[in-house]
């Protein structure tokens, strides 16, 4: 179990770093996503999927922290 937990701690640290970046740059990310829709690079549905994924990452961080105690 310890090895498995160590792996989850490593994942949690990685995801937590991502969460901090998303929190810091989310406004910019949304602007780039919206510009991608305006430019026709991605569809509105793809933009919505991407934004939902970014939103869900925060929840993933919280769940991994509960599992690992990190």
N, C-alpha and C. Protein backbone atom coordinates (compact mmCIF):
# COMPACT_ATOMS: atom_id res chain seq x y z
N UNK A 1 0.82 -1.20 0.00
CA UNK A 1 0.00 0.00 0.00
C UNK A 1 0.86 1.26 0.00
N UNK A 2 2.00 1.22 0.69
CA UNK A 2 2.85 2.41 0.77
C UNK A 2 3.33 2.85 -0.60
N UNK A 3 3.70 1.89 -1.44
CA UNK A 3 4.16 2.25 -2.78
C UNK A 3 3.04 2.87 -3.59
N UNK A 4 1.84 2.33 -3.45
CA UNK A 4 0.70 2.90 -4.16
C UNK A 4 0.42 4.32 -3.68
N UNK A 5 0.49 4.52 -2.36
CA UNK A 5 0.22 5.84 -1.81
C UNK A 5 1.30 6.83 -2.26
N UNK A 6 2.55 6.37 -2.33
CA UNK A 6 3.63 7.24 -2.78
C UNK A 6 3.36 7.71 -4.22
N UNK A 7 2.85 6.80 -5.03
CA UNK A 7 2.51 7.17 -6.40
C UNK A 7 1.40 8.20 -6.44
N UNK A 8 0.41 8.02 -5.60
CA UNK A 8 -0.69 8.99 -5.55
C UNK A 8 -0.22 10.34 -5.05
N UNK A 9 0.72 10.33 -4.10
CA UNK A 9 1.26 11.60 -3.61
C UNK A 9 1.98 12.33 -4.75
N UNK A 10 2.75 11.57 -5.54
CA UNK A 10 3.44 12.18 -6.68
C UNK A 10 2.44 12.77 -7.67
N UNK A 11 1.38 12.02 -7.96
CA UNK A 11 0.35 12.51 -8.87
C UNK A 11 -0.32 13.75 -8.29
N UNK A 12 -0.60 13.71 -6.98
CA UNK A 12 -1.25 14.85 -6.32
C UNK A 12 -0.38 16.10 -6.45
N UNK A 13 0.93 15.95 -6.23
CA UNK A 13 1.82 17.10 -6.36
C UNK A 13 1.80 17.66 -7.78
N UNK A 14 1.82 16.77 -8.75
CA UNK A 14 1.78 17.18 -10.16
C UNK A 14 0.47 17.90 -10.47
N UNK A 15 -0.64 17.31 -10.06
CA UNK A 15 -1.95 17.90 -10.34
C UNK A 15 -2.11 19.21 -9.58
N UNK A 16 -1.61 19.26 -8.34
CA UNK A 16 -1.71 20.48 -7.56
C UNK A 16 -0.97 21.63 -8.25
N UNK A 17 0.17 21.34 -8.82
CA UNK A 17 0.91 22.36 -9.58
C UNK A 17 0.04 22.85 -10.74
N UNK A 18 -0.59 21.92 -11.42
CA UNK A 18 -1.50 22.28 -12.50
C UNK A 18 -2.65 23.15 -12.01
N UNK A 19 -3.18 22.81 -10.85
CA UNK A 19 -4.29 23.60 -10.29
C UNK A 19 -3.85 25.02 -9.99
N UNK A 20 -2.65 25.16 -9.43
CA UNK A 20 -2.15 26.52 -9.15
C UNK A 20 -2.00 27.32 -10.45
N UNK A 21 -1.50 26.66 -11.49
CA UNK A 21 -1.34 27.35 -12.78
C UNK A 21 -2.70 27.73 -13.37
N UNK A 22 -3.65 26.82 -13.27
CA UNK A 22 -4.98 27.12 -13.81
C UNK A 22 -5.62 28.27 -13.05
N UNK A 23 -5.47 28.27 -11.73
CA UNK A 23 -6.03 29.36 -10.93
C UNK A 23 -5.40 30.69 -11.33
N UNK A 24 -4.10 30.68 -11.52
CA UNK A 24 -3.38 31.91 -11.84
C UNK A 24 -3.69 32.41 -13.26
N UNK A 25 -3.80 31.49 -14.21
CA UNK A 25 -3.92 31.87 -15.62
C UNK A 25 -5.27 31.55 -16.25
N UNK A 26 -6.26 31.21 -15.46
CA UNK A 26 -7.55 30.78 -16.02
C UNK A 26 -8.18 31.84 -16.91
N UNK A 27 -8.12 33.09 -16.52
CA UNK A 27 -8.70 34.15 -17.33
C UNK A 27 -8.05 34.19 -18.71
N UNK A 28 -6.74 34.04 -18.74
CA UNK A 28 -6.01 34.03 -20.01
C UNK A 28 -6.36 32.79 -20.83
N UNK A 29 -6.47 31.65 -20.14
CA UNK A 29 -6.82 30.41 -20.83
C UNK A 29 -8.20 30.54 -21.48
N UNK A 30 -9.15 31.08 -20.74
CA UNK A 30 -10.49 31.27 -21.28
C UNK A 30 -10.47 32.18 -22.50
N UNK A 31 -9.64 33.23 -22.43
CA UNK A 31 -9.54 34.15 -23.57
C UNK A 31 -8.97 33.45 -24.80
N UNK A 32 -7.97 32.59 -24.60
CA UNK A 32 -7.38 31.85 -25.72
C UNK A 32 -8.39 30.86 -26.28
N UNK A 33 -9.13 30.19 -25.41
CA UNK A 33 -10.16 29.25 -25.86
C UNK A 33 -11.22 29.99 -26.67
N UNK A 34 -11.68 31.12 -26.14
CA UNK A 34 -12.70 31.90 -26.85
C UNK A 34 -12.18 32.42 -28.18
N UNK A 35 -10.90 32.81 -28.23
CA UNK A 35 -10.31 33.27 -29.48
C UNK A 35 -10.23 32.11 -30.48
N UNK A 36 -9.98 30.91 -29.97
CA UNK A 36 -9.95 29.74 -30.84
C UNK A 36 -11.30 29.48 -31.48
N UNK A 37 -12.36 29.70 -30.72
CA UNK A 37 -13.71 29.55 -31.27
C UNK A 37 -13.96 30.63 -32.32
N UNK A 38 -13.60 31.86 -31.99
CA UNK A 38 -13.81 32.98 -32.92
C UNK A 38 -13.05 32.77 -34.22
N UNK A 39 -11.85 32.19 -34.11
CA UNK A 39 -11.02 31.98 -35.30
C UNK A 39 -11.43 30.72 -36.08
N UNK A 40 -12.31 29.94 -35.50
CA UNK A 40 -12.74 28.72 -36.17
C UNK A 40 -11.80 27.54 -35.96
N UNK A 41 -10.84 27.69 -35.04
CA UNK A 41 -9.90 26.61 -34.77
C UNK A 41 -10.55 25.46 -34.02
N UNK A 42 -11.48 25.81 -33.13
CA UNK A 42 -12.23 24.80 -32.37
C UNK A 42 -13.70 25.19 -32.38
N UNK A 43 -14.55 24.20 -32.10
CA UNK A 43 -15.99 24.46 -32.06
C UNK A 43 -16.39 24.94 -30.67
N UNK A 44 -17.60 25.45 -30.59
CA UNK A 44 -18.15 25.86 -29.30
C UNK A 44 -18.22 24.66 -28.36
N UNK A 45 -18.59 23.50 -28.88
CA UNK A 45 -18.66 22.29 -28.06
C UNK A 45 -17.28 21.90 -27.54
N UNK A 46 -16.27 22.01 -28.38
CA UNK A 46 -14.91 21.70 -27.93
C UNK A 46 -14.45 22.68 -26.86
N UNK A 47 -14.79 23.94 -27.02
CA UNK A 47 -14.45 24.95 -26.01
C UNK A 47 -15.13 24.63 -24.69
N UNK A 48 -16.39 24.24 -24.75
CA UNK A 48 -17.12 23.89 -23.54
C UNK A 48 -16.50 22.67 -22.85
N UNK A 49 -16.09 21.69 -23.65
CA UNK A 49 -15.44 20.50 -23.09
C UNK A 49 -14.14 20.88 -22.41
N UNK A 50 -13.35 21.70 -23.06
CA UNK A 50 -12.07 22.11 -22.49
C UNK A 50 -12.27 22.90 -21.19
N UNK A 51 -13.23 23.81 -21.19
CA UNK A 51 -13.49 24.59 -19.98
C UNK A 51 -14.02 23.70 -18.85
N UNK A 52 -14.84 22.73 -19.18
CA UNK A 52 -15.34 21.79 -18.16
C UNK A 52 -14.19 20.97 -17.58
N UNK A 53 -13.25 20.57 -18.44
CA UNK A 53 -12.09 19.81 -17.98
C UNK A 53 -11.25 20.66 -17.03
N UNK A 54 -11.04 21.92 -17.37
CA UNK A 54 -10.28 22.81 -16.50
C UNK A 54 -10.98 22.99 -15.16
N UNK A 55 -12.31 23.11 -15.18
CA UNK A 55 -13.08 23.22 -13.94
C UNK A 55 -12.95 21.96 -13.09
N UNK A 56 -13.00 20.80 -13.74
CA UNK A 56 -12.97 19.54 -13.02
C UNK A 56 -11.61 19.26 -12.38
N UNK A 57 -10.56 19.82 -12.90
CA UNK A 57 -9.24 19.57 -12.35
C UNK A 57 -9.14 20.00 -10.88
N UNK A 58 -9.82 21.05 -10.51
CA UNK A 58 -9.82 21.49 -9.13
C UNK A 58 -10.43 20.42 -8.23
N UNK A 59 -11.51 19.80 -8.68
CA UNK A 59 -12.12 18.71 -7.93
C UNK A 59 -11.21 17.50 -7.82
N UNK A 60 -10.48 17.21 -8.87
CA UNK A 60 -9.52 16.10 -8.85
C UNK A 60 -8.46 16.36 -7.78
N UNK A 61 -7.98 17.58 -7.69
CA UNK A 61 -6.98 17.92 -6.67
C UNK A 61 -7.52 17.63 -5.27
N UNK A 62 -8.73 18.04 -5.02
CA UNK A 62 -9.31 17.84 -3.70
C UNK A 62 -9.47 16.35 -3.37
N UNK A 63 -9.91 15.57 -4.34
CA UNK A 63 -10.08 14.14 -4.11
C UNK A 63 -8.74 13.45 -3.85
N UNK A 64 -7.73 13.76 -4.65
CA UNK A 64 -6.42 13.16 -4.43
C UNK A 64 -5.84 13.56 -3.08
N UNK A 65 -6.07 14.78 -2.66
CA UNK A 65 -5.58 15.20 -1.34
C UNK A 65 -6.25 14.39 -0.23
N UNK A 66 -7.54 14.10 -0.39
CA UNK A 66 -8.23 13.29 0.61
C UNK A 66 -7.65 11.88 0.66
N UNK A 67 -7.34 11.32 -0.49
CA UNK A 67 -6.80 9.95 -0.54
C UNK A 67 -5.40 9.85 0.03
N UNK A 68 -4.59 10.86 -0.25
CA UNK A 68 -3.18 10.77 0.11
C UNK A 68 -2.83 11.47 1.43
N UNK A 69 -3.66 12.37 1.85
CA UNK A 69 -3.35 13.16 3.04
C UNK A 69 -2.31 14.23 2.77
N UNK A 70 -1.97 14.41 1.50
CA UNK A 70 -0.96 15.40 1.14
C UNK A 70 -1.54 16.79 1.16
